[in-house]
Amino acid sequence: MADEQSERLAMQAWLYGCPLVTAAVTKDVVTAVAARDDERRKAPVNHFCCMRHTPDATSIKVVSPNADTLYSSA
């Protein structure tokens, strides 16, 4: 019984915590620059960054099914 409860609790913790950790790591990666860099889509905290060109099929900076969308982050 304790093993089933522990497994259920671990699964709930994973489902709750994984998106929070992923978002925090993404924020740390995209804000770890001294100045805005629109080409790499990175900017310091409290700065706005905008892609200047529509990504093509080879783009790995934004993983998304939208091939015709310009992305921005703030």
Protein backbone atom coordinates (compact mmCIF):
# COMPACT_ATOMS: atom_id res chain seq x y z
CA MET A 1 0.00 0.00 0.00
CA ALA A 2 2.77 2.44 0.86
CA ASP A 3 4.54 1.70 -2.44
CA GLU A 4 1.40 2.50 -4.44
CA GLN A 5 0.83 5.69 -2.48
CA SER A 6 4.49 6.72 -2.91
CA GLU A 7 4.31 6.06 -6.63
CA ARG A 8 1.08 8.07 -6.96
CA LEU A 9 2.58 10.94 -4.97
CA ALA A 10 5.75 10.89 -7.08
CA MET A 11 3.69 10.99 -10.28
CA GLN A 12 1.64 13.94 -9.01
CA ALA A 13 4.82 15.78 -7.99
CA TRP A 14 6.31 15.17 -11.46
CA LEU A 15 3.17 16.36 -13.27
CA TYR A 16 3.02 19.49 -11.12
CA GLY A 17 6.73 20.28 -10.94
CA CYS A 18 8.07 19.47 -14.40
CA PRO A 19 6.45 22.45 -16.20
CA LEU A 20 7.62 24.82 -13.46
CA VAL A 21 11.21 23.58 -13.68
CA THR A 22 11.13 23.68 -17.49
CA ALA A 23 9.87 27.28 -17.46
CA ALA A 24 12.52 28.33 -14.93
CA VAL A 25 15.35 26.74 -16.93
CA THR A 26 14.06 28.33 -20.15
CA LYS A 27 13.97 31.75 -18.46
CA ASP A 28 17.52 31.30 -17.16
CA VAL A 29 18.79 30.31 -20.61
CA VAL A 30 17.12 33.11 -22.58
CA THR A 31 18.03 35.85 -20.08
CA ALA A 32 21.67 34.89 -19.57
CA VAL A 33 23.02 37.59 -21.88
CA ALA A 34 24.39 41.07 -21.25
CA ALA A 35 22.51 42.75 -24.13
CA ARG A 36 19.54 42.01 -26.35
CA ASP A 37 20.26 39.59 -29.18
CA ASP A 38 17.27 39.27 -31.51
CA GLU A 39 18.99 36.73 -33.77
CA ARG A 40 19.42 34.26 -30.91
CA ARG A 41 16.09 35.39 -29.32
CA LYS A 42 17.72 36.25 -26.01
CA ALA A 43 17.55 39.35 -23.86
CA PRO A 44 18.29 40.31 -20.25
CA VAL A 45 15.45 40.38 -17.74
CA ASN A 46 12.99 43.26 -18.34
CA HIS A 47 13.96 43.65 -22.01
CA PHE A 48 11.86 42.86 -25.08
CA CYS A 49 13.18 40.54 -27.78
CA CYS A 50 11.60 39.97 -31.18
CA MET A 51 12.50 37.68 -34.07
CA ARG A 52 13.10 39.77 -37.19
CA HIS A 53 12.70 36.95 -39.74
CA THR A 54 10.13 34.21 -40.12
CA PRO A 55 11.75 30.89 -39.11
CA ASP A 56 12.17 28.31 -41.84
CA ALA A 57 12.05 24.51 -41.59
CA THR A 58 15.67 24.29 -40.40
CA SER A 59 15.13 26.60 -37.42
CA ILE A 60 15.66 24.96 -34.02
CA LYS A 61 15.42 28.12 -31.93
CA VAL A 62 11.65 27.83 -31.68
CA VAL A 63 10.19 24.36 -31.71
CA SER A 64 6.68 24.82 -33.02
CA PRO A 65 4.42 23.66 -35.82
CA ASN A 66 3.89 27.32 -36.81
CA ALA A 67 6.21 27.95 -39.74
CA ASP A 68 4.81 31.40 -40.46
CA THR A 69 4.90 33.03 -37.03
CA LEU A 70 7.26 35.66 -35.68
CA TYR A 71 7.96 35.13 -31.98
CA SER A 72 8.59 37.68 -29.27
CA SER A 73 9.35 37.42 -25.59
CA ALA A 74 9.45 39.89 -22.77
